[in-house]
Every structure is written in structure tokens, then in C-alpha cells.
Amino acid sequence: MGTSNYSDEFKRGAVHQITVRGYPVREVSQRLGVSTHSLYKSLKQFTESAPKPGVDHEAENRRLKREQARVTEERGILKNRSGPQPACAR
């Protein structure tokens, strides 16, 4: 097996996807065609030397909006499913 040398820009992009955007290492590894070992090595290299980035507020807002839409949809389904209850016959 040969070794591939990836540019620092490529490695930083992969690390960004994992640390800021929150993608799993395995998913990024498969998508980019890089071993998980290489990604963990890049993570260690670039997270120690760089200051910790702040929270990506736009990505967090998108995630929260998706979650809110899902919960709202589920609540609507449950509301429609239960519907008005029949009166008890006495």
C-alpha cells in the first residue's frame, strides 16, 4: 500500500467537518476516501495547534430548526391520531 500526502488545506477541511459541522469521523472518512486513522491524526495535529473555534451558530440554528420541525410534525400526528374522544355511555 502506498501512502498519500494530503495538503494541509485538505486536512483542515476534513477536521472542520468533524469538529465544527459535527459529522462522524467514519462518515467523513468514507466520503473523502481517507482512513479513519489519518483523520484522527489530523484531528490531533490541527486541534492542538489551533485555538478552539467558537460555536458555529448558523449550523446550530439549522439543526435546531430541523429538530423543531420534526417535533412539531410528530406532535401534529399524535394530535390527529387521538382526536376527540367519544362520550362514555352511562
C-alpha atoms as a PDB file:
ATOM      1  CA  MET A   1       0.000   0.000   0.000  1.00  0.00           C
ATOM      2  CA  GLY A   2       1.263   3.434  -0.869  1.00  0.00           C
ATOM      3  CA  THR A   3       0.958   6.466   1.299  1.00  0.00           C
ATOM      4  CA  SER A   4      -0.858   9.564   0.163  1.00  0.00           C
ATOM      5  CA  ASN A   5       0.217  13.033   1.128  1.00  0.00           C
ATOM      6  CA  TYR A   6      -2.710  15.361   1.536  1.00  0.00           C
ATOM      7  CA  SER A   7      -2.348  19.124   1.700  1.00  0.00           C
ATOM      8  CA  ASP A   8      -2.830  20.941   4.992  1.00  0.00           C
ATOM      9  CA  GLU A   9      -5.853  22.674   3.453  1.00  0.00           C
ATOM     10  CA  PHE A  10      -7.462  19.297   2.706  1.00  0.00           C
ATOM     11  CA  LYS A  11      -6.739  18.060   6.229  1.00  0.00           C
ATOM     12  CA  ARG A  12      -8.077  21.251   7.810  1.00  0.00           C
ATOM     13  CA  GLY A  13     -11.265  20.912   5.729  1.00  0.00           C
ATOM     14  CA  ALA A  14     -11.755  17.356   6.955  1.00  0.00           C
ATOM     15  CA  VAL A  15     -11.114  18.400  10.566  1.00  0.00           C
ATOM     16  CA  HIS A  16     -13.588  21.277  10.148  1.00  0.00           C
ATOM     17  CA  GLN A  17     -16.294  18.846   9.012  1.00  0.00           C
ATOM     18  CA  ILE A  18     -15.747  16.760  12.135  1.00  0.00           C
ATOM     19  CA  THR A  19     -15.259  19.434  14.776  1.00  0.00           C
ATOM     20  CA  VAL A  20     -17.475  22.305  13.633  1.00  0.00           C
ATOM     21  CA  ARG A  21     -20.132  20.699  11.460  1.00  0.00           C
ATOM     22  CA  GLY A  22     -20.408  17.632  13.680  1.00  0.00           C
ATOM     23  CA  TYR A  23     -20.071  14.843  11.116  1.00  0.00           C
ATOM     24  CA  PRO A  24     -18.863  11.464  12.421  1.00  0.00           C
ATOM     25  CA  VAL A  25     -15.242  10.542  11.639  1.00  0.00           C
ATOM     26  CA  ARG A  26     -16.324   7.348   9.883  1.00  0.00           C
ATOM     27  CA  GLU A  27     -18.686   9.238   7.546  1.00  0.00           C
ATOM     28  CA  VAL A  28     -16.057  11.843   6.611  1.00  0.00           C
ATOM     29  CA  SER A  29     -13.519   9.062   6.138  1.00  0.00           C
ATOM     30  CA  GLN A  30     -15.733   7.205   3.678  1.00  0.00           C
ATOM     31  CA  ARG A  31     -16.784  10.341   1.831  1.00  0.00           C
ATOM     32  CA  LEU A  32     -13.227  11.616   1.352  1.00  0.00           C
ATOM     33  CA  GLY A  33     -11.575   8.235   0.815  1.00  0.00           C
ATOM     34  CA  VAL A  34      -9.214   8.689   3.761  1.00  0.00           C
ATOM     35  CA  SER A  35      -8.580   6.224   6.555  1.00  0.00           C
ATOM     36  CA  THR A  36     -10.056   6.951   9.952  1.00  0.00           C
ATOM     37  CA  HIS A  37      -6.536   6.682  11.375  1.00  0.00           C
ATOM     38  CA  SER A  38      -5.405   9.551   9.137  1.00  0.00           C
ATOM     39  CA  LEU A  39      -8.368  11.673  10.213  1.00  0.00           C
ATOM     40  CA  TYR A  40      -7.688  11.095  13.906  1.00  0.00           C
ATOM     41  CA  LYS A  41      -4.051  12.006  13.305  1.00  0.00           C
ATOM     42  CA  SER A  42      -5.113  15.223  11.527  1.00  0.00           C
ATOM     43  CA  LEU A  43      -7.578  15.978  14.324  1.00  0.00           C
ATOM     44  CA  LYS A  44      -4.820  15.721  16.889  1.00  0.00           C
ATOM     45  CA  GLN A  45      -2.442  17.811  14.778  1.00  0.00           C
ATOM     46  CA  PHE A  46      -4.817  20.666  13.998  1.00  0.00           C
ATOM     47  CA  THR A  47      -6.856  20.854  17.186  1.00  0.00           C
ATOM     48  CA  GLU A  48      -3.781  21.128  19.410  1.00  0.00           C
ATOM     49  CA  SER A  49      -2.080  23.819  17.339  1.00  0.00           C
ATOM     50  CA  ALA A  50      -5.171  25.898  16.604  1.00  0.00           C
ATOM     51  CA  PRO A  51      -7.264  27.771  19.131  1.00  0.00           C
ATOM     52  CA  LYS A  52     -10.653  26.226  19.813  1.00  0.00           C
ATOM     53  CA  PRO A  53     -13.179  27.614  17.337  1.00  0.00           C
ATOM     54  CA  GLY A  54     -16.367  29.178  18.627  1.00  0.00           C
ATOM     55  CA  VAL A  55     -19.724  27.596  18.129  1.00  0.00           C
ATOM     56  CA  ASP A  56     -20.945  27.662  14.543  1.00  0.00           C
ATOM     57  CA  HIS A  57     -24.207  29.427  15.299  1.00  0.00           C
ATOM     58  CA  GLU A  58     -25.623  29.087  11.787  1.00  0.00           C
ATOM     59  CA  ALA A  59     -25.142  25.314  11.769  1.00  0.00           C
ATOM     60  CA  GLU A  60     -26.604  25.049  15.267  1.00  0.00           C
ATOM     61  CA  ASN A  61     -29.635  27.136  14.218  1.00  0.00           C
ATOM     62  CA  ARG A  62     -30.225  24.900  11.176  1.00  0.00           C
ATOM     63  CA  ARG A  63     -30.002  21.793  13.365  1.00  0.00           C
ATOM     64  CA  LEU A  64     -32.426  23.218  15.914  1.00  0.00           C
ATOM     65  CA  LYS A  65     -34.906  24.269  13.215  1.00  0.00           C
ATOM     66  CA  ARG A  66     -34.841  20.748  11.730  1.00  0.00           C
ATOM     67  CA  GLU A  67     -35.415  19.261  15.167  1.00  0.00           C
ATOM     68  CA  GLN A  68     -38.255  21.705  15.875  1.00  0.00           C
ATOM     69  CA  ALA A  69     -39.943  20.855  12.557  1.00  0.00           C
ATOM     70  CA  ARG A  70     -39.674  17.134  13.328  1.00  0.00           C
ATOM     71  CA  VAL A  71     -41.115  17.521  16.826  1.00  0.00           C
ATOM     72  CA  THR A  72     -43.926  19.759  15.558  1.00  0.00           C
ATOM     73  CA  GLU A  73     -44.805  17.193  12.897  1.00  0.00           C
ATOM     74  CA  GLU A  74     -44.793  14.364  15.438  1.00  0.00           C
ATOM     75  CA  ARG A  75     -47.000  16.373  17.795  1.00  0.00           C
ATOM     76  CA  GLY A  76     -49.453  17.062  14.948  1.00  0.00           C
ATOM     77  CA  ILE A  77     -49.604  13.384  14.061  1.00  0.00           C
ATOM     78  CA  LEU A  78     -50.287  12.439  17.672  1.00  0.00           C
ATOM     79  CA  LYS A  79     -52.974  15.138  17.989  1.00  0.00           C
ATOM     80  CA  ASN A  80     -54.773  13.926  14.854  1.00  0.00           C
ATOM     81  CA  ARG A  81     -54.469  10.331  15.916  1.00  0.00           C
ATOM     82  CA  SER A  82     -56.055  10.807  19.291  1.00  0.00           C
ATOM     83  CA  GLY A  83     -58.821  13.141  18.057  1.00  0.00           C
ATOM     84  CA  PRO A  84     -61.940  13.814  20.096  1.00  0.00           C
ATOM     85  CA  GLN A  85     -62.798  11.021  22.499  1.00  0.00           C
ATOM     86  CA  PRO A  86     -66.344   9.563  22.387  1.00  0.00           C
ATOM     87  CA  ALA A  87     -68.534  10.309  25.379  1.00  0.00           C
ATOM     88  CA  CYS A  88     -68.963   7.431  27.795  1.00  0.00           C
ATOM     89  CA  ALA A  89     -72.412   5.834  27.752  1.00  0.00           C
ATOM     90  CA  ARG A  90     -73.928   5.684  31.215  1.00  0.00           C
END
